Amino acid sequence: MSLTTFKLNKPNLDTNISDKKRASLLEKLLEDNGKLVEIANSPKYLYYDQIKSLAKESGLSPEEYWLLVLINRAMGAKTTVIKSIDGDFFNWKQIDNFNEKLHAIDLQMGGQIVTDLFGLSGNYKQQFITKGIIEEAIASSQLEGAHTSRKVAKELLESGRQPRDNSERMIVNNYLVNKKLLENYIDKELSWEMLCEIQKLLTNEVLDVNDQGRMRVLADEITVNGQIGNEVFITHVPPSGEFLEKEIGRFIAFANDVDVSKDFTHPVVKAIMLHFWLGYLHPFVDGNGRLARVIFHWYLLRHNYWLFGFLSVSSVILEAPIKYAFAYIYAEQDSYNLNYFIDFNLRKIIQAFDNFKGYMERKFEENKTKVAVWNDRSDINERQKTALAYLNGGPKAKMTATSYHNFYNVSRVTATKELKKLVALSLLRQHKSGRNVFYSVNTN
């Protein structure tokens, strides 16, 4: 079945607005310094189909109001290094709405502020990093079609059992890449070889081995499809192999901060641009969306936004997958305006941080109370105390040596030894299910 390419509904501004009317509208815009149309940019960056009520309030037709929006957005817009298939370059404009969010991100997500705020010990920090990695692996895979539920996926990753199908394999692959990102990749500059290596890891045992780690070619006939309403459309046709070969080197140079542009671009905006650019180029047969989100995290971690090691931005994107798709569509089809994609991602980053902060505050208070029960014991270490606090979090809480190893970044031998000691002290009990040994609170 052949699919139709989705096209945005665009107003005909050439025939609907006379030159005389254009001149009077422009005068009106200049008189109020753009305040009339600023509401179309903040708190959300809106497209034509979303501004009709704003036009009515202003006393203008939707076409007239939209023309003013476009003029205002063009004033001071900057050209990026991201080239479109047509040869034009994508552009963006640093608006007040972005500056406010970027300032909040800088205050809350850089340096030592979270450690100071929550007083995290090393073991707590590792536990919450692991949680972030798990949540990001699950959500990023679900965005690309993994059908495993979050509950089953968490059990899969925490128990260390083997995946049973392609969806579970996608999640495990994503998890392993996210771990390697923190342990290895953030110390490396980006290269084509590194992109291929990550794509291979993301698609291991899911994609045919011949399609792993190779650049997409014309014969692959790849399209990006999405459901809009009740219909499935082609939402993006990736560029040709020839275009891709020319642009991938520029993408890598931009990611490595080679001086391709002398204008300063905020690191968070630049990470979002890399996210978009890789999705636009679509260099591989599969795994491009997951890879784009990995590179987004890679860039921010390399620039000391270390809190992104705790956050799962994909989890909040997963709550609005259609809006995520439209952020790409608007950017590509509305004058190559990247502000749509930047706006969407900035809002999701803030939401992810707010979710994380609320979770941390709750867990910190819970754990502080629970760990205090074992504070006077000298026969168990800090890791064992935090594990006991975790397992006392609910009647169904359980842990394996693998999850202990992941939570606290110790060897499996150490993990097993420390858990068995807690069993010997009658603080935990162990039971076997299939190949796995689970540890839970001893209620006897």
Protein backbone atom coordinates (compact mmCIF):
# COMPACT_ATOMS: atom_id res chain seq x y z
CA MET A 1 0.00 0.00 0.00
CA SER A 2 1.48 3.35 -1.05
CA LEU A 3 1.32 6.20 1.45
CA THR A 4 0.67 9.90 0.92
CA THR A 5 3.26 12.42 2.05
CA PHE A 6 1.84 14.65 4.77
CA LYS A 7 1.76 18.35 3.89
CA LEU A 8 0.97 21.21 6.23
CA ASN A 9 -2.09 23.32 5.51
CA LYS A 10 -0.67 26.71 4.53
CA PRO A 11 -2.63 29.92 3.93
CA ASN A 12 -2.33 31.69 0.58
CA LEU A 13 -0.86 35.01 1.68
CA ASP A 14 -0.07 36.21 -1.85
CA THR A 15 -3.66 36.52 -3.07
CA ASN A 16 -5.51 37.11 0.19
CA ILE A 17 -3.65 40.22 1.35
CA SER A 18 -3.17 43.31 -0.80
CA ASP A 19 0.06 45.30 -0.89
CA LYS A 20 -1.68 48.23 0.79
CA LYS A 21 -2.89 45.99 3.60
CA ARG A 22 0.59 44.49 3.99
CA ALA A 23 2.07 47.95 4.45
CA SER A 24 -0.46 48.89 7.14
CA LEU A 25 0.07 45.58 8.95
CA LEU A 26 3.83 46.05 8.95
CA GLU A 27 3.40 49.56 10.35
CA LYS A 28 1.19 48.15 13.09
CA LEU A 29 3.79 45.51 13.92
CA LEU A 30 6.60 48.05 14.16
CA GLU A 31 4.53 50.42 16.29
CA ASP A 32 4.05 47.90 19.10
CA ASN A 33 7.52 46.32 18.66
CA GLY A 34 6.07 42.90 17.92
CA LYS A 35 3.98 42.62 21.09
CA LEU A 36 0.84 41.89 19.08
CA VAL A 37 2.21 38.55 17.87
CA GLU A 38 4.50 37.59 20.77
CA ILE A 39 1.76 35.36 22.21
CA ALA A 40 2.22 33.13 19.15
CA ASN A 41 5.78 32.43 20.36
CA SER A 42 5.25 32.01 24.10
CA PRO A 43 4.47 29.97 26.16
CA LYS A 44 4.36 27.70 23.08
CA TYR A 45 5.65 28.28 19.57
CA LEU A 46 2.51 28.03 17.44
CA TYR A 47 1.81 27.19 13.80
CA TYR A 48 -0.88 28.74 11.59
CA ASP A 49 -3.57 26.20 12.51
CA GLN A 50 -3.17 27.13 16.19
CA ILE A 51 -3.39 30.95 15.97
CA LYS A 52 -6.97 31.51 14.76
CA SER A 53 -8.32 32.50 18.19
CA LEU A 54 -5.39 34.89 18.64
CA ALA A 55 -6.17 36.49 15.26
CA LYS A 56 -9.80 36.97 16.26
CA GLU A 57 -8.79 38.72 19.50
CA SER A 58 -6.51 41.06 17.54
CA GLY A 59 -9.28 42.02 15.09
CA LEU A 60 -7.35 40.56 12.13
CA SER A 61 -8.10 37.69 9.79
CA PRO A 62 -6.06 34.48 10.40
CA GLU A 63 -4.07 35.19 7.22
CA GLU A 64 -3.29 38.77 8.25
CA TYR A 65 -2.26 37.76 11.74
CA TRP A 66 -0.12 34.89 10.42
CA LEU A 67 1.67 37.25 8.03
CA LEU A 68 2.61 39.46 10.99
CA VAL A 69 3.83 36.37 12.90
CA LEU A 70 6.04 35.35 9.97
CA ILE A 71 7.48 38.86 9.57
CA ASN A 72 8.21 39.06 13.29
CA ARG A 73 9.88 35.63 13.29
CA ALA A 74 12.06 36.52 10.30
CA MET A 75 13.42 39.63 12.04
CA GLY A 76 16.72 38.66 13.65
CA ALA A 77 16.52 34.99 12.69
CA LYS A 78 19.92 33.28 12.36
CA THR A 79 20.94 30.78 9.71
CA THR A 80 22.25 27.46 11.11
CA VAL A 81 24.76 25.08 9.51
CA ILE A 82 21.99 22.52 8.91
CA LYS A 83 21.33 22.29 5.19
CA SER A 84 18.00 21.14 3.78
CA ILE A 85 17.52 18.81 0.84
CA ASP A 86 16.54 21.88 -1.24
CA GLY A 87 19.86 23.59 -0.48
CA ASP A 88 18.40 26.16 1.93
CA PHE A 89 19.62 26.28 5.53
CA PHE A 90 17.47 25.82 8.61
CA ASN A 91 17.19 28.90 10.82
CA TRP A 92 16.33 29.79 14.39
CA LYS A 93 15.73 32.85 16.55
CA GLN A 94 16.68 33.25 20.21
CA ILE A 95 13.43 34.50 21.72
CA ASP A 96 12.75 35.49 25.36
CA ASN A 97 10.84 32.28 25.97
CA PHE A 98 13.96 30.27 25.12
CA ASN A 99 16.25 32.49 27.20
CA GLU A 100 14.10 31.96 30.31
CA LYS A 101 14.19 28.18 29.90
CA LEU A 102 17.90 28.07 29.12
CA HIS A 103 18.62 30.17 32.21
CA ALA A 104 16.58 27.75 34.35
CA ILE A 105 18.44 24.78 32.84
CA ASP A 106 21.82 26.39 33.49
CA LEU A 107 20.92 27.07 37.13
CA GLN A 108 19.47 23.64 37.82
CA MET A 109 21.39 21.20 35.64
CA GLY A 110 25.03 22.23 35.75
CA GLY A 111 27.75 22.01 38.38
CA GLN A 112 27.06 20.62 41.87
CA ILE A 113 23.67 22.19 42.58
CA VAL A 114 21.69 18.94 42.75
CA THR A 115 24.24 17.31 45.05
CA ASP A 116 24.10 20.39 47.29
CA LEU A 117 20.30 20.45 47.17
CA PHE A 118 19.67 16.82 47.99
CA GLY A 119 22.87 15.82 49.79
CA LEU A 120 23.32 12.71 47.68
CA SER A 121 25.94 10.18 48.75
CA GLY A 122 27.84 8.24 46.10
CA ASN A 123 25.59 5.18 46.45
CA TYR A 124 22.40 7.20 46.24
CA LYS A 125 23.75 9.00 43.21
CA GLN A 126 24.57 5.73 41.43
CA GLN A 127 21.12 4.35 42.25
CA PHE A 128 19.37 7.35 40.71
CA ILE A 129 21.68 7.39 37.69
CA THR A 130 20.75 3.77 37.05
CA LYS A 131 17.06 4.62 37.34
CA GLY A 132 17.50 7.40 34.77
CA ILE A 133 19.34 5.09 32.37
CA ILE A 134 16.61 2.44 32.70
CA GLU A 135 13.75 4.92 32.15
CA GLU A 136 15.49 6.49 29.13
CA ALA A 137 16.19 3.08 27.56
CA ILE A 138 12.56 2.01 27.93
CA ALA A 139 10.96 5.25 26.70
CA SER A 140 13.37 5.82 23.79
CA SER A 141 12.69 2.27 22.56
CA GLN A 142 8.92 2.64 23.01
CA LEU A 143 9.05 5.79 20.86
CA GLU A 144 10.43 3.61 18.07
CA GLY A 145 7.81 0.87 18.38
CA ALA A 146 8.91 -1.39 21.25
CA HIS A 147 5.67 -2.82 22.65
CA THR A 148 6.97 -4.07 26.00
CA SER A 149 5.23 -2.42 28.96
CA ARG A 150 7.24 -0.26 31.33
CA LYS A 151 6.63 -2.72 34.19
CA VAL A 152 7.89 -5.74 32.24
CA ALA A 153 10.79 -3.72 30.82
CA LYS A 154 11.92 -2.63 34.29
CA GLU A 155 11.80 -6.22 35.50
CA LEU A 156 13.80 -7.27 32.43
CA LEU A 157 16.58 -4.74 33.07
CA GLU A 158 16.68 -5.06 36.84
CA SER A 159 16.73 -8.87 36.84
CA GLY A 160 19.24 -9.19 34.01
CA ARG A 161 17.23 -11.96 32.30
CA GLN A 162 17.58 -12.56 28.57
CA PRO A 163 15.15 -10.69 26.27
CA ARG A 164 12.34 -12.80 24.80
CA ASP A 165 11.51 -10.79 21.66
CA ASN A 166 12.65 -7.88 19.49
CA SER A 167 10.94 -5.26 21.67
CA GLU A 168 12.75 -6.47 24.77
CA ARG A 169 16.02 -6.72 22.81
CA MET A 170 15.61 -3.07 21.68
CA ILE A 171 15.25 -2.00 25.31
CA VAL A 172 18.25 -4.02 26.49
CA ASN A 173 20.35 -2.64 23.61
CA ASN A 174 19.34 0.93 24.46
CA TYR A 175 20.17 0.33 28.13
CA LEU A 176 23.64 -1.02 27.30
CA VAL A 177 24.32 1.99 25.05
CA ASN A 178 23.19 4.43 27.77
CA LYS A 179 25.55 2.76 30.26
CA LYS A 180 28.41 2.88 27.79
CA LEU A 181 27.60 6.53 27.10
CA LEU A 182 28.42 7.42 30.71
CA GLU A 183 31.33 4.99 31.06
CA ASN A 184 33.06 5.48 27.72
CA TYR A 185 31.56 7.63 24.97
CA ILE A 186 31.50 10.98 26.79
CA ASP A 187 35.30 10.93 26.80
CA LYS A 188 35.43 10.59 23.00
CA GLU A 189 34.95 13.00 20.14
CA LEU A 190 32.25 11.98 17.69
CA SER A 191 33.32 10.12 14.54
CA TRP A 192 31.60 8.15 11.81
CA GLU A 193 33.07 4.99 13.36
CA MET A 194 31.51 5.87 16.73
CA LEU A 195 28.10 6.53 15.13
CA CYS A 196 28.31 3.14 13.41
CA GLU A 197 29.34 1.42 16.63
CA ILE A 198 26.41 2.91 18.58
CA GLN A 199 23.95 2.04 15.79
CA LYS A 200 25.24 -1.55 15.81
CA LEU A 201 24.71 -1.78 19.55
CA LEU A 202 21.21 -0.29 19.32
CA THR A 203 20.14 -2.70 16.55
CA ASN A 204 22.01 -5.82 17.70
CA GLU A 205 19.95 -8.98 17.05
CA VAL A 206 17.01 -6.79 15.93
CA LEU A 207 18.24 -5.65 12.52
CA ASP A 208 19.85 -7.82 9.85
CA VAL A 209 23.61 -7.82 10.44
CA ASN A 210 24.18 -6.53 6.88
CA ASP A 211 22.24 -3.37 7.74
CA GLN A 212 24.21 -2.62 10.90
CA GLY A 213 26.92 0.01 10.80
CA ARG A 214 26.58 1.01 7.16
CA MET A 215 25.41 4.25 5.60
CA ARG A 216 21.96 4.17 4.05
CA VAL A 217 21.90 4.11 0.23
CA LEU A 218 19.24 4.98 -2.35
CA ALA A 219 18.29 1.33 -2.83
CA ASP A 220 17.09 1.15 0.79
CA GLU A 221 14.06 3.36 -0.06
CA ILE A 222 13.58 4.56 3.51
CA THR A 223 10.72 6.82 4.56
CA VAL A 224 9.66 8.03 8.00
CA ASN A 225 5.98 7.28 8.57
CA GLY A 226 3.59 8.42 11.27
CA GLN A 227 -0.07 8.21 12.17
CA ILE A 228 -1.88 11.54 12.08
CA GLY A 229 -5.50 11.25 13.11
CA ASN A 230 -6.75 7.95 11.73
CA GLU A 231 -4.39 7.85 8.74
CA VAL A 232 -0.75 6.87 8.27
CA PHE A 233 1.35 9.30 6.23
CA ILE A 234 4.94 9.67 5.10
CA THR A 235 6.18 12.44 7.41
CA HIS A 236 9.75 12.67 6.12
CA VAL A 237 11.67 11.45 3.07
CA PRO A 238 15.35 11.27 4.08
CA PRO A 239 17.89 12.83 1.70
CA SER A 240 19.74 10.86 -0.94
CA GLY A 241 22.90 8.91 -0.18
CA GLU A 242 24.94 11.49 -2.10
CA PHE A 243 23.57 14.35 0.02
CA LEU A 244 24.06 12.29 3.18
CA GLU A 245 27.73 11.59 2.39
CA LYS A 246 28.41 15.31 2.01
CA GLU A 247 26.52 16.39 5.12
CA ILE A 248 27.45 13.72 7.67
CA GLY A 249 30.98 15.12 7.93
CA ARG A 250 29.56 18.59 8.65
CA PHE A 251 27.28 17.06 11.29
CA ILE A 252 30.26 15.40 13.00
CA ALA A 253 32.31 18.61 12.86
CA PHE A 254 29.42 20.56 14.41
CA ALA A 255 29.08 17.94 17.17
CA ASN A 256 32.79 18.24 17.93
CA ASP A 257 32.54 22.06 18.12
CA VAL A 258 34.79 22.58 15.13
CA ASP A 259 34.50 26.26 14.21
CA VAL A 260 31.87 25.94 11.49
CA SER A 261 30.14 29.06 12.79
CA LYS A 262 31.52 31.95 14.82
CA ASP A 263 28.17 32.69 16.45
CA PHE A 264 27.83 31.30 19.99
CA THR A 265 25.09 28.71 20.29
CA HIS A 266 23.98 27.66 23.76
CA PRO A 267 25.03 24.02 24.39
CA VAL A 268 21.46 22.90 25.13
CA VAL A 269 20.18 24.49 21.89
CA LYS A 270 23.10 22.90 20.04
CA ALA A 271 22.29 19.46 21.50
CA ILE A 272 18.69 19.89 20.31
CA MET A 273 19.97 20.88 16.86
CA LEU A 274 22.10 17.71 16.74
CA HIS A 275 19.03 15.70 17.75
CA PHE A 276 17.07 17.23 14.87
CA TRP A 277 19.89 17.06 12.31
CA LEU A 278 20.57 13.36 12.80
CA GLY A 279 16.86 12.60 12.57
CA TYR A 280 16.66 14.68 9.38
CA LEU A 281 19.69 13.01 7.75
CA HIS A 282 18.54 9.53 8.83
CA PRO A 283 21.97 8.00 8.05
CA PHE A 284 21.07 4.37 8.82
CA VAL A 285 18.37 1.90 7.80
CA ASP A 286 17.12 1.71 11.40
CA GLY A 287 17.91 3.06 14.87
CA ASN A 288 18.11 6.73 13.82
CA GLY A 289 15.63 8.07 16.39
CA ARG A 290 17.28 6.24 19.29
CA LEU A 291 20.70 7.29 18.02
CA ALA A 292 19.64 10.96 17.76
CA ARG A 293 18.53 10.94 21.40
CA VAL A 294 21.79 9.24 22.48
CA ILE A 295 23.84 11.94 20.70
CA PHE A 296 21.68 14.61 22.36
CA HIS A 297 22.65 13.20 25.79
CA TRP A 298 26.27 12.62 24.72
CA TYR A 299 26.74 16.28 23.76
CA LEU A 300 25.24 17.63 26.99
CA LEU A 301 27.22 15.27 29.22
CA ARG A 302 30.42 16.28 27.44
CA HIS A 303 29.56 19.90 28.23
CA ASN A 304 29.13 19.21 31.97
CA TYR A 305 25.34 19.11 32.05
CA TRP A 306 25.81 16.01 34.16
CA LEU A 307 22.24 15.93 35.44
CA PHE A 308 21.21 14.56 32.03
CA GLY A 309 22.74 11.32 33.27
CA PHE A 310 19.83 11.16 35.74
CA LEU A 311 17.02 12.42 33.49
CA SER A 312 14.87 10.60 30.99
CA VAL A 313 13.75 13.24 28.49
CA SER A 314 12.33 10.47 26.28
CA SER A 315 9.87 9.57 29.04
CA VAL A 316 8.13 12.94 28.78
CA ILE A 317 8.40 12.95 24.96
CA LEU A 318 6.62 9.59 25.06
CA GLU A 319 3.63 11.35 26.63
CA ALA A 320 3.24 13.44 23.45
CA PRO A 321 4.56 11.41 20.48
CA ILE A 322 2.34 13.18 17.93
CA LYS A 323 3.57 16.61 19.07
CA TYR A 324 7.14 15.27 18.83
CA ALA A 325 6.50 14.23 15.23
CA PHE A 326 4.93 17.61 14.43
CA ALA A 327 7.93 19.43 15.91
CA TYR A 328 9.94 17.80 13.11
CA ILE A 329 7.23 18.44 10.48
CA TYR A 330 6.75 22.13 11.35
CA ALA A 331 10.52 22.73 11.29
CA GLU A 332 10.91 21.09 7.88
CA GLN A 333 7.78 22.44 6.20
CA ASP A 334 7.45 25.95 7.66
CA SER A 335 10.36 27.87 6.13
CA TYR A 336 12.95 25.57 7.76
CA ASN A 337 12.21 27.17 11.14
CA LEU A 338 13.95 25.12 13.88
CA ASN A 339 12.24 27.07 16.66
CA TYR A 340 9.37 24.56 16.64
CA PHE A 341 11.74 21.71 17.47
CA ILE A 342 13.78 23.77 19.95
CA ASP A 343 10.64 24.96 21.75
CA PHE A 344 9.20 21.44 22.07
CA ASN A 345 12.44 19.99 23.44
CA LEU A 346 13.12 22.82 25.88
CA ARG A 347 9.67 22.37 27.37
CA LYS A 348 10.23 18.62 27.66
CA ILE A 349 13.62 19.11 29.34
CA ILE A 350 12.05 21.39 31.97
CA GLN A 351 9.24 18.87 32.49
CA ALA A 352 11.74 16.00 32.85
CA PHE A 353 13.69 17.98 35.46
CA ASP A 354 10.53 18.85 37.41
CA ASN A 355 9.53 15.17 37.42
CA PHE A 356 13.01 14.15 38.56
CA LYS A 357 13.15 16.79 41.28
CA GLY A 358 9.77 15.72 42.69
CA TYR A 359 10.78 12.06 42.63
CA MET A 360 14.13 12.84 44.29
CA GLU A 361 12.55 14.87 47.06
CA ARG A 362 10.08 12.08 47.85
CA LYS A 363 12.68 9.31 47.71
CA PHE A 364 15.27 11.25 49.66
CA GLU A 365 12.85 11.76 52.54
CA GLU A 366 11.70 8.12 52.40
CA ASN A 367 15.24 6.75 52.27
CA LYS A 368 16.52 9.08 55.00
CA THR A 369 13.95 7.62 57.37
CA LYS A 370 14.49 4.02 56.28
CA VAL A 371 18.29 4.10 56.24
CA ALA A 372 18.30 5.58 59.75
CA VAL A 373 17.03 2.21 61.01
CA TRP A 374 20.40 0.65 60.09
CA ASN A 375 22.68 3.64 60.74
CA ASP A 376 24.01 2.22 64.01
CA ARG A 377 24.98 -1.09 62.46
CA SER A 378 28.69 -1.44 61.77
CA ASP A 379 28.41 -4.90 60.18
CA ILE A 380 26.90 -3.62 56.91
CA ASN A 381 28.13 -0.92 54.52
CA GLU A 382 26.43 2.12 52.97
CA ARG A 383 25.45 0.20 49.81
CA GLN A 384 23.75 -2.49 51.85
CA LYS A 385 21.88 0.12 53.88
CA THR A 386 20.56 1.87 50.76
CA ALA A 387 19.62 -1.52 49.25
CA LEU A 388 17.63 -2.32 52.38
CA ALA A 389 15.91 1.07 52.12
CA TYR A 390 15.05 0.37 48.48
CA LEU A 391 13.69 -3.11 49.25
CA ASN A 392 11.62 -1.79 52.14
CA GLY A 393 9.93 0.59 49.70
CA GLY A 394 7.02 -1.76 49.02
CA PRO A 395 5.78 -5.33 49.51
CA LYS A 396 6.72 -6.34 45.93
CA ALA A 397 10.21 -4.78 45.92
CA LYS A 398 12.95 -7.21 44.93
CA MET A 399 16.49 -7.21 43.65
CA THR A 400 18.95 -9.52 41.92
CA ALA A 401 22.74 -9.51 42.03
CA THR A 402 22.62 -8.00 38.53
CA SER A 403 20.43 -5.08 39.59
CA TYR A 404 22.62 -4.53 42.70
CA HIS A 405 25.64 -4.52 40.39
CA ASN A 406 23.92 -1.95 38.13
CA PHE A 407 22.60 0.23 40.95
CA TYR A 408 25.91 0.57 42.79
CA ASN A 409 28.45 0.03 39.99
CA VAL A 410 30.24 -2.84 41.75
CA SER A 411 31.33 -6.21 40.36
CA ARG A 412 28.81 -9.06 40.27
CA VAL A 413 31.00 -10.98 42.72
CA THR A 414 30.80 -8.09 45.22
CA ALA A 415 27.07 -7.71 44.60
CA THR A 416 26.37 -11.38 45.30
CA LYS A 417 28.62 -11.38 48.37
CA GLU A 418 26.95 -8.32 49.92
CA LEU A 419 23.42 -9.58 49.26
CA LYS A 420 24.20 -13.00 50.70
CA LYS A 421 25.57 -11.34 53.83
CA LEU A 422 22.22 -9.58 54.29
CA VAL A 423 20.52 -12.97 53.97
CA ALA A 424 22.90 -14.43 56.56
CA LEU A 425 21.98 -11.56 58.90
CA SER A 426 18.27 -12.40 58.35
CA LEU A 427 17.66 -8.94 56.90
CA LEU A 428 16.80 -10.33 53.46
CA ARG A 429 15.53 -13.60 52.08
CA GLN A 430 16.34 -15.14 48.72
CA HIS A 431 14.19 -17.19 46.37
CA LYS A 432 14.73 -18.59 42.90
CA SER A 433 12.49 -18.02 39.87
CA GLY A 434 13.72 -19.70 36.73
CA ARG A 435 17.41 -18.93 36.40
CA ASN A 436 17.27 -15.82 38.57
CA VAL A 437 17.82 -15.49 42.32
CA PHE A 438 15.75 -12.70 43.83
CA TYR A 439 16.32 -10.93 47.15
CA SER A 440 13.53 -9.29 49.12
CA VAL A 441 12.79 -8.18 52.67
CA ASN A 442 12.70 -10.96 55.23
CA THR A 443 9.28 -10.65 56.84
CA ASN A 444 9.78 -13.55 59.29
